[in-house]
Amino acid sequence: MNFKKPLILFFAILLIAAGFGSGFYFGKLQIPPSPIEGVINQELGKPEGVDFSLFWDAWRKLDEQFVNHQKLDFQKMIYGAISGMVKSFDDPYTVFFNPEQGKKFVEDVKGSFEGIGAEIGQRKGQLLIIAPLEGTPAQKAGLRPGDKIIKINEKITTDLTVDEAVNLIRGPKGTDVTLTIFRDEWVESKDITITRATIEVPSLKWELLVSTGEAGGKDSDIVHIKLYHFSEKASSDFKKAAAEILKSQAKKIILDLRGNPGGYLEISQDIASWFLEKGQIVAIEDFGLKSEKEEFRANGNAKFLEWPLVILINQGSASASEILAGALRDNRGVKLIGEKTFGKGSVQELAELKGGSSLKITVAKWLTPKGVSINEQGLEPDIKIEMTEKDFEEGKDSQLDKAVEVIKEMR
């Protein structure tokens, strides 16, 4: 796979598990530079003013007194110490990988996956479903955005990172995993057993809508474009769909980003360019005090610049989806309809360490063109419409119906 610009990879890893949504720079594999300013002992990387004697005192006590001394693995102790240090950052997307985990991570980014096809994330320490992807075992099992993951195969998830949870949920196709799920509408949690499979998700589909707002007809000028994720082929797929739409009777667009967990920033930027003037800001990358902000701008043909447009969002809209929705609202005042988005707006880089270990480190945050942070905030809809249990049971899409109602009045 050709990694371009930042991959907004939500490393739930497609749970595949399936994952396209944190910011992730691949290709910036880094060996820690030396010398490091302010460091006295370069070999140990000991910063000035930091006393490591407590660490070594604890190490010595364990080595001397632990009852099963034969089970002590000094290398695993080092890995555990680093993992603990990383967890103290309280950032679910900054993670330490030992050599085995690091190798698997790189293979996951480049290869194919087997799992349940649900993007997971973490909010206030709680693991939850961001989005079950289209046509996957997770979707067929009835998982929904916002579902809380209480257990994975009887293992309580309280202290698990996103990546640790992913490793438990993933597995060979044909095997089962049981998730204990709690949903706000439920009185108690439920066990849901899902059979893993090879995950293949389409990038998008589109259709003209009938005048009643129900999908499937051909007598309307409203086109419904459903973007499932910002994969590498989504840009070319959107270009093909756009050519067909431009030849159709369509004059208005409902852009559906519900359940879209993200993907490549570059793809989000390309698709935004169909709706914006060339040069308008799509997203801003904020590195904090480390360096200047970087702007990503529209670079396309603006074929849909004048078309009436509304956007559907929900809790499963994350990362690249939030960037696209924020860009179109900030630049064009496009109405967002549905539910508040997840709030995944950070960028990760992978740094190599000695012996094949690595760190996935959060290095920046995404801002909308008006400078609003997405991370942990999400985007509030302009028109809030929540899907109810009754809607799901009856197969009713009240959010899409509202979008049709709104766009009908637009000229």
Protein backbone atom coordinates (compact mmCIF):
# COMPACT_ATOMS: atom_id res chain seq x y z
CA MET A 1 0.00 0.00 0.00
CA ASN A 2 1.32 3.42 -0.87
CA PHE A 3 1.18 5.59 2.28
CA LYS A 4 0.70 9.21 1.40
CA LYS A 5 0.44 12.12 3.84
CA PRO A 6 -1.16 11.43 7.18
CA LEU A 7 -3.32 8.40 7.64
CA ILE A 8 -6.06 9.25 10.09
CA LEU A 9 -6.03 5.77 11.42
CA PHE A 10 -8.21 5.17 14.42
CA PHE A 11 -6.28 2.23 15.52
CA ALA A 12 -8.88 0.15 16.53
CA ILE A 13 -7.36 -1.21 13.31
CA LEU A 14 -10.50 -2.21 11.57
CA LEU A 15 -10.82 -4.49 14.44
CA ILE A 16 -10.21 -6.33 11.80
CA ALA A 17 -10.61 -5.38 13.23
CA ALA A 18 -11.47 -2.38 11.16
CA GLY A 19 -10.00 0.95 11.68
CA PHE A 20 -9.35 4.04 9.78
CA GLY A 21 -9.44 6.76 12.18
CA SER A 22 -6.65 8.45 14.33
CA GLY A 23 -4.19 10.70 12.56
CA PHE A 24 -1.34 8.46 11.68
CA TYR A 25 1.89 9.25 9.87
CA PHE A 26 3.35 6.14 8.34
CA GLY A 27 6.76 6.32 6.76
CA LYS A 28 8.09 8.48 9.59
CA LEU A 29 9.64 5.54 11.40
CA GLN A 30 12.21 7.21 13.59
CA ILE A 31 15.25 6.11 15.57
CA PRO A 32 15.43 8.42 18.59
CA PRO A 33 17.99 11.15 17.79
CA SER A 34 21.11 11.78 19.83
CA PRO A 35 22.35 13.76 21.58
CA ILE A 36 19.27 14.86 23.52
CA GLU A 37 19.38 18.33 25.01
CA GLY A 38 19.32 18.31 28.83
CA VAL A 39 20.35 14.67 29.16
CA ILE A 40 23.33 13.82 31.35
CA ASN A 41 23.63 10.09 30.71
CA GLN A 42 23.09 9.57 26.98
CA GLU A 43 23.18 5.78 27.20
CA LEU A 44 20.41 5.59 29.76
CA GLY A 45 18.57 8.65 28.44
CA LYS A 46 18.43 10.03 31.99
CA PRO A 47 17.06 13.60 32.03
CA GLU A 48 18.62 16.11 34.39
CA GLY A 49 16.71 16.42 37.65
CA VAL A 50 15.00 13.02 37.39
CA ASP A 51 15.92 10.46 40.06
CA PHE A 52 15.68 6.88 38.75
CA SER A 53 16.77 5.36 42.06
CA LEU A 54 13.16 4.43 42.95
CA PHE A 55 12.88 2.39 39.76
CA TRP A 56 16.11 0.51 40.37
CA ASP A 57 15.27 0.02 44.03
CA ALA A 58 11.96 -1.61 43.03
CA TRP A 59 13.77 -3.69 40.40
CA ARG A 60 16.29 -4.93 42.97
CA LYS A 61 13.58 -5.81 45.53
CA LEU A 62 11.66 -7.83 42.93
CA ASP A 63 14.81 -9.59 41.80
CA GLU A 64 15.76 -10.48 45.37
CA GLN A 65 12.38 -11.33 46.93
CA PHE A 66 9.86 -12.46 44.29
CA VAL A 67 8.89 -16.03 45.17
CA ASN A 68 8.93 -17.41 41.61
CA HIS A 69 12.28 -15.97 40.68
CA GLN A 70 12.69 -18.44 37.84
CA LYS A 71 9.74 -16.77 36.13
CA LEU A 72 11.35 -13.34 36.06
CA ASP A 73 11.99 -12.19 32.50
CA PHE A 74 14.08 -9.04 32.61
CA GLN A 75 13.21 -8.09 29.04
CA LYS A 76 9.48 -8.36 29.77
CA MET A 77 10.05 -6.25 32.90
CA ILE A 78 11.58 -3.52 30.73
CA TYR A 79 8.66 -3.71 28.29
CA GLY A 80 6.20 -3.54 31.19
CA ALA A 81 7.95 -0.52 32.68
CA ILE A 82 7.80 1.34 29.37
CA SER A 83 4.14 0.41 28.90
CA GLY A 84 3.36 1.76 32.35
CA MET A 85 5.16 5.01 31.57
CA VAL A 86 3.19 5.39 28.34
CA LYS A 87 -0.14 4.69 30.07
CA SER A 88 0.59 7.51 32.53
CA PHE A 89 0.02 9.93 29.62
CA ASP A 90 -3.68 8.98 29.73
CA ASP A 91 -3.83 9.05 25.92
CA PRO A 92 -5.43 5.91 24.43
CA TYR A 93 -3.64 6.45 21.10
CA THR A 94 -0.09 6.72 22.49
CA VAL A 95 1.00 3.11 22.83
CA PHE A 96 4.16 1.03 23.32
CA PHE A 97 4.64 -2.06 21.12
CA ASN A 98 7.07 -4.82 21.98
CA PRO A 99 8.77 -6.39 18.91
CA GLU A 100 5.99 -8.93 18.32
CA GLN A 101 3.23 -6.32 18.68
CA GLY A 102 5.13 -3.83 16.53
CA LYS A 103 5.54 -6.36 13.72
CA LYS A 104 1.84 -7.18 13.82
CA PHE A 105 0.94 -3.49 13.82
CA VAL A 106 2.98 -2.80 10.68
CA GLU A 107 1.52 -5.86 8.95
CA ASP A 108 -1.98 -4.70 9.88
CA VAL A 109 -1.42 -1.31 8.30
CA LYS A 110 -0.10 -2.80 5.08
CA GLY A 111 -2.11 -5.97 4.74
CA SER A 112 -5.54 -7.57 4.95
CA PHE A 113 -7.42 -8.31 8.12
CA GLU A 114 -9.69 -10.80 9.77
CA GLY A 115 -11.99 -9.86 12.61
CA ILE A 116 -15.47 -8.50 13.26
CA GLY A 117 -15.33 -5.23 11.30
CA ALA A 118 -16.06 -2.71 14.04
CA GLU A 119 -14.09 0.40 14.80
CA ILE A 120 -13.52 0.87 18.53
CA GLY A 121 -12.27 3.81 20.55
CA GLN A 122 -12.12 5.10 24.06
CA ARG A 123 -13.92 7.97 25.77
CA LYS A 124 -13.21 8.87 29.40
CA GLY A 125 -11.60 5.48 29.91
CA GLN A 126 -14.56 3.53 28.52
CA LEU A 127 -14.07 1.30 25.48
CA LEU A 128 -16.90 1.62 23.02
CA ILE A 129 -17.98 0.91 19.47
CA ILE A 130 -17.30 3.84 17.16
CA ALA A 131 -18.83 2.27 14.09
CA PRO A 132 -19.70 -1.21 12.83
CA LEU A 133 -18.69 -1.20 9.18
CA GLU A 134 -21.05 -1.93 6.31
CA GLY A 135 -21.81 -5.60 5.71
CA THR A 136 -19.47 -6.88 8.43
CA PRO A 137 -20.15 -9.43 11.20
CA ALA A 138 -20.28 -6.57 13.72
CA GLN A 139 -23.07 -4.83 11.83
CA LYS A 140 -24.98 -8.07 11.25
CA ALA A 141 -24.74 -8.84 14.98
CA GLY A 142 -26.51 -5.56 15.71
CA LEU A 143 -23.65 -3.52 17.19
CA ARG A 144 -24.24 0.25 17.04
CA PRO A 145 -22.17 3.41 17.47
CA GLY A 146 -21.86 4.26 21.16
CA ASP A 147 -22.23 0.70 22.46
CA LYS A 148 -20.01 0.26 25.52
CA ILE A 149 -17.72 -2.79 25.60
CA ILE A 150 -17.78 -4.12 29.17
CA LYS A 151 -16.02 -7.45 28.59
CA ILE A 152 -14.20 -9.28 25.82
CA ASN A 153 -14.48 -13.03 26.29
CA GLU A 154 -15.08 -12.49 30.04
CA LYS A 155 -12.07 -10.16 30.34
CA ILE A 156 -13.13 -6.85 31.90
CA THR A 157 -12.05 -3.93 29.69
CA THR A 158 -11.58 -1.29 32.41
CA ASP A 159 -7.77 -1.14 32.18
CA LEU A 160 -7.36 -2.09 28.52
CA THR A 161 -5.98 0.27 25.90
CA VAL A 162 -7.63 0.43 22.49
CA ASP A 163 -4.81 -1.62 20.97
CA GLU A 164 -4.98 -4.26 23.69
CA ALA A 165 -8.73 -4.58 23.14
CA VAL A 166 -8.18 -4.89 19.39
CA ASN A 167 -5.73 -7.74 19.91
CA LEU A 168 -8.33 -9.60 21.97
CA ILE A 169 -11.18 -9.04 19.52
CA ARG A 170 -9.26 -9.88 16.38
CA GLY A 171 -8.65 -13.44 15.29
CA PRO A 172 -8.87 -15.93 12.44
CA LYS A 173 -12.03 -15.99 10.37
CA GLY A 174 -14.52 -18.61 11.46
CA THR A 175 -13.67 -18.23 15.15
CA ASP A 176 -15.95 -16.57 17.71
CA VAL A 177 -15.50 -13.67 20.10
CA THR A 178 -18.05 -12.72 22.77
CA LEU A 179 -18.51 -9.06 23.67
CA THR A 180 -20.45 -7.97 26.72
CA ILE A 181 -22.21 -4.83 25.53
CA PHE A 182 -24.15 -2.14 27.35
CA ARG A 183 -26.36 0.34 25.50
CA ASP A 184 -27.87 3.42 27.13
CA GLU A 185 -31.40 2.28 26.26
CA TRP A 186 -30.88 -1.09 27.98
CA VAL A 187 -31.51 -1.97 31.61
CA GLU A 188 -28.61 -4.43 31.71
CA SER A 189 -25.69 -5.55 29.56
CA LYS A 190 -25.93 -8.35 27.00
CA ASP A 191 -23.47 -10.91 25.66
CA ILE A 192 -23.13 -10.82 21.87
CA THR A 193 -21.16 -13.61 20.20
CA ILE A 194 -19.74 -12.72 16.78
CA THR A 195 -18.03 -14.98 14.26
CA ARG A 196 -14.94 -13.35 12.79
CA ALA A 197 -14.52 -13.03 9.01
CA THR A 198 -12.33 -11.44 6.36
CA ILE A 199 -13.36 -7.80 6.21
CA GLU A 200 -14.05 -6.13 2.89
CA VAL A 201 -15.84 -2.79 3.05
CA PRO A 202 -16.99 -0.71 0.05
CA SER A 203 -15.79 2.89 0.00
CA LEU A 204 -19.13 4.41 -1.07
CA LYS A 205 -22.47 4.00 -2.79
CA TRP A 206 -24.95 6.53 -4.19
CA GLU A 207 -28.56 6.61 -5.31
CA LEU A 208 -31.30 9.02 -6.27
CA LEU A 209 -34.08 9.31 -3.70
CA VAL A 210 -37.81 9.23 -4.27
CA SER A 211 -39.79 12.27 -3.23
CA THR A 212 -40.93 10.68 0.05
CA GLY A 213 -37.35 10.36 1.26
CA GLU A 214 -37.24 6.59 0.89
CA ALA A 215 -34.30 5.20 -1.00
CA GLY A 216 -34.52 3.39 -4.27
CA GLY A 217 -36.48 5.66 -6.62
CA LYS A 218 -35.39 7.60 -9.67
CA ASP A 219 -37.87 10.48 -9.72
CA SER A 220 -36.01 12.98 -7.53
CA ASP A 221 -33.23 15.53 -7.98
CA ILE A 222 -31.78 14.57 -4.57
CA VAL A 223 -28.79 12.21 -4.52
CA HIS A 224 -27.79 10.31 -1.38
CA ILE A 225 -24.02 9.61 -1.23
CA LYS A 226 -23.00 7.18 1.50
CA LEU A 227 -19.26 7.29 2.32
CA TYR A 228 -18.24 4.24 4.33
CA HIS A 229 -14.60 5.13 4.92
CA PHE A 230 -11.74 7.14 3.44
CA SER A 231 -9.75 4.24 2.04
CA GLU A 232 -7.04 4.60 -0.56
CA LYS A 233 -9.51 3.85 -3.36
CA ALA A 234 -12.27 6.13 -2.05
CA SER A 235 -10.96 9.11 -4.03
CA SER A 236 -11.11 7.32 -7.37
CA ASP A 237 -14.47 5.76 -6.45
CA PHE A 238 -15.84 9.20 -5.62
CA LYS A 239 -14.54 10.59 -8.92
CA LYS A 240 -16.34 7.83 -10.81
CA ALA A 241 -19.55 8.37 -8.84
CA ALA A 242 -19.33 12.14 -9.33
CA ALA A 243 -19.11 11.71 -13.12
CA GLU A 244 -22.28 9.61 -13.05
CA ILE A 245 -24.08 12.04 -10.73
CA LEU A 246 -23.21 15.01 -12.91
CA LYS A 247 -24.83 13.23 -15.88
CA SER A 248 -27.97 12.38 -13.88
CA GLN A 249 -30.97 14.56 -13.02
CA ALA A 250 -29.52 15.17 -9.53
CA LYS A 251 -29.18 18.78 -8.40
CA LYS A 252 -28.87 18.40 -4.60
CA ILE A 253 -26.68 16.20 -2.40
CA ILE A 254 -27.11 14.49 0.95
CA LEU A 255 -23.61 13.43 2.02
CA ASP A 256 -23.89 10.62 4.55
CA LEU A 257 -20.90 10.25 6.90
CA ARG A 258 -22.68 8.21 9.57
CA GLY A 259 -20.65 5.28 10.82
CA ASN A 260 -17.60 6.42 8.85
CA PRO A 261 -14.61 6.03 11.20
CA GLY A 262 -12.08 7.87 9.03
CA GLY A 263 -9.13 6.94 6.86
CA TYR A 264 -6.58 8.94 4.91
CA LEU A 265 -6.49 12.71 5.39
CA GLU A 266 -5.46 13.06 1.74
CA ILE A 267 -8.65 11.29 0.62
CA SER A 268 -10.79 13.53 2.83
CA GLN A 269 -8.97 16.50 1.35
CA ASP A 270 -9.60 15.27 -2.22
CA ILE A 271 -13.32 14.71 -1.63
CA ALA A 272 -13.69 18.07 0.11
CA SER A 273 -12.21 19.66 -2.99
CA TRP A 274 -15.29 18.69 -5.02
CA PHE A 275 -17.36 20.95 -2.74
CA LEU A 276 -14.96 23.84 -2.03
CA GLU A 277 -13.13 26.53 -3.94
CA LYS A 278 -9.51 25.70 -4.67
CA GLY A 279 -7.31 26.97 -1.85
CA GLN A 280 -9.94 26.94 0.88
CA ILE A 281 -8.72 25.35 4.11
CA VAL A 282 -9.86 21.78 4.73
CA ALA A 283 -8.04 21.17 8.03
CA ILE A 284 -5.32 22.57 10.28
CA GLU A 285 -2.74 20.41 11.99
CA ASP A 286 -1.76 21.80 15.41
CA PHE A 287 1.53 20.57 16.88
CA GLY A 288 1.14 22.63 20.05
CA LEU A 289 4.26 24.56 21.01
CA LYS A 290 6.58 22.23 19.07
CA SER A 291 6.21 23.84 15.65
CA GLU A 292 4.01 25.97 13.41
CA LYS A 293 0.54 24.83 12.43
CA GLU A 294 0.17 23.22 9.00
CA GLU A 295 -2.80 23.91 6.72
CA PHE A 296 -4.32 21.45 4.25
CA ARG A 297 -6.25 23.11 1.43
CA ALA A 298 -8.76 22.15 -1.24
CA ASN A 299 -7.04 21.23 -4.49
CA GLY A 300 -9.81 20.00 -6.75
CA ASN A 301 -12.31 21.07 -9.37
CA ALA A 302 -15.18 22.35 -7.16
CA LYS A 303 -17.80 20.71 -9.41
CA PHE A 304 -20.33 20.60 -6.56
CA LEU A 305 -19.51 24.04 -5.16
CA GLU A 306 -22.91 25.53 -6.01
CA TRP A 307 -25.01 22.45 -5.27
CA PRO A 308 -27.32 22.52 -2.22
CA LEU A 309 -25.77 20.16 0.34
CA VAL A 310 -26.49 18.74 3.79
CA ILE A 311 -24.41 16.25 5.77
CA LEU A 312 -25.54 13.35 7.96
CA ILE A 313 -23.40 12.57 11.05
CA ASN A 314 -23.60 10.39 14.15
CA GLN A 315 -21.43 8.99 16.95
CA GLY A 316 -19.74 6.74 14.40
CA SER A 317 -18.48 9.69 12.34
CA ALA A 318 -14.84 10.08 13.36
CA SER A 319 -11.53 11.58 12.33
CA ALA A 320 -11.45 12.11 8.54
CA SER A 321 -15.26 12.23 8.54
CA GLU A 322 -15.17 15.00 11.14
CA ILE A 323 -12.54 16.86 9.14
CA LEU A 324 -14.69 16.76 5.99
CA ALA A 325 -17.88 17.75 7.82
CA GLY A 326 -16.11 20.55 9.69
CA ALA A 327 -14.50 21.87 6.52
CA LEU A 328 -17.80 22.06 4.64
CA ARG A 329 -19.64 23.69 7.54
CA ASP A 330 -16.89 26.25 8.25
CA ASN A 331 -16.39 27.20 4.60
CA ARG A 332 -19.92 26.92 3.23
CA GLY A 333 -22.24 26.91 6.22
CA VAL A 334 -23.42 23.39 5.34
CA LYS A 335 -25.95 22.03 7.83
CA LEU A 336 -24.96 18.95 9.84
CA ILE A 337 -27.91 16.69 10.69
CA GLY A 338 -28.02 13.80 13.15
CA GLU A 339 -26.00 13.25 16.31
CA LYS A 340 -22.75 14.56 17.78
CA THR A 341 -19.65 13.01 16.19
CA PHE A 342 -17.12 10.93 18.12
CA GLY A 343 -14.36 13.52 18.53
CA LYS A 344 -11.24 11.82 17.16
CA GLY A 345 -8.88 14.55 16.10
CA SER A 346 -5.33 13.51 16.89
CA VAL A 347 -2.33 12.47 14.79
CA GLN A 348 0.04 9.62 15.57
CA GLU A 349 3.59 8.86 14.43
CA LEU A 350 5.41 5.56 14.76
CA ALA A 351 8.89 5.77 16.32
CA GLU A 352 11.23 2.77 16.21
CA LEU A 353 13.08 1.75 19.35
CA LYS A 354 15.91 -0.70 19.95
CA GLY A 355 15.35 -4.40 19.33
CA GLY A 356 12.27 -4.01 17.15
CA SER A 357 10.09 -2.25 19.73
CA SER A 358 8.24 0.92 18.79
CA LEU A 359 6.06 3.72 20.11
CA LYS A 360 2.89 5.07 18.50
CA ILE A 361 2.90 8.67 19.75
CA THR A 362 0.24 11.36 19.51
CA VAL A 363 2.09 14.32 17.99
CA ALA A 364 -0.63 16.73 16.87
CA LYS A 365 -4.34 17.57 16.85
CA TRP A 366 -6.70 18.43 14.03
CA LEU A 367 -8.56 21.74 13.91
CA THR A 368 -11.40 22.80 11.61
CA PRO A 369 -10.76 25.71 9.21
CA LYS A 370 -12.05 28.12 11.90
CA GLY A 371 -9.56 26.72 14.40
CA VAL A 372 -11.98 24.57 16.41
CA SER A 373 -10.46 21.42 17.94
CA ILE A 374 -12.16 18.16 17.01
CA ASN A 375 -10.37 16.01 19.56
CA GLU A 376 -12.60 14.85 22.43
CA GLN A 377 -15.08 17.57 21.44
CA GLY A 378 -16.65 16.23 18.27
CA LEU A 379 -18.98 18.25 16.07
CA GLU A 380 -22.43 19.17 17.30
CA PRO A 381 -25.16 18.84 14.65
CA ASP A 382 -27.04 21.93 13.54
CA ILE A 383 -30.20 19.84 13.55
CA LYS A 384 -30.21 17.11 16.20
CA ILE A 385 -32.10 13.94 15.30
CA GLU A 386 -31.49 10.81 17.35
CA MET A 387 -32.28 7.34 16.08
CA THR A 388 -34.51 5.49 18.54
CA GLU A 389 -34.82 1.78 19.29
CA LYS A 390 -38.18 1.90 17.52
CA ASP A 391 -36.54 3.41 14.42
CA PHE A 392 -34.06 0.55 14.25
CA GLU A 393 -36.70 -2.09 14.86
CA GLU A 394 -38.97 -0.69 12.14
CA GLY A 395 -36.13 -0.02 9.69
CA LYS A 396 -36.94 3.68 9.72
CA ASP A 397 -34.25 6.28 9.00
CA SER A 398 -35.53 9.45 10.67
CA GLN A 399 -32.20 11.21 10.14
CA LEU A 400 -32.24 10.68 6.39
CA ASP A 401 -35.91 11.70 6.28
CA LYS A 402 -35.02 14.96 8.03
CA ALA A 403 -32.15 15.59 5.62
CA VAL A 404 -34.54 15.17 2.68
CA GLU A 405 -37.01 17.56 4.31
CA VAL A 406 -34.31 20.20 4.82
CA ILE A 407 -32.69 19.95 1.42
CA LYS A 408 -36.03 20.14 -0.41
CA GLU A 409 -36.32 23.73 0.78
CA MET A 410 -32.85 24.67 -0.44
CA ARG A 411 -32.26 26.37 -3.76
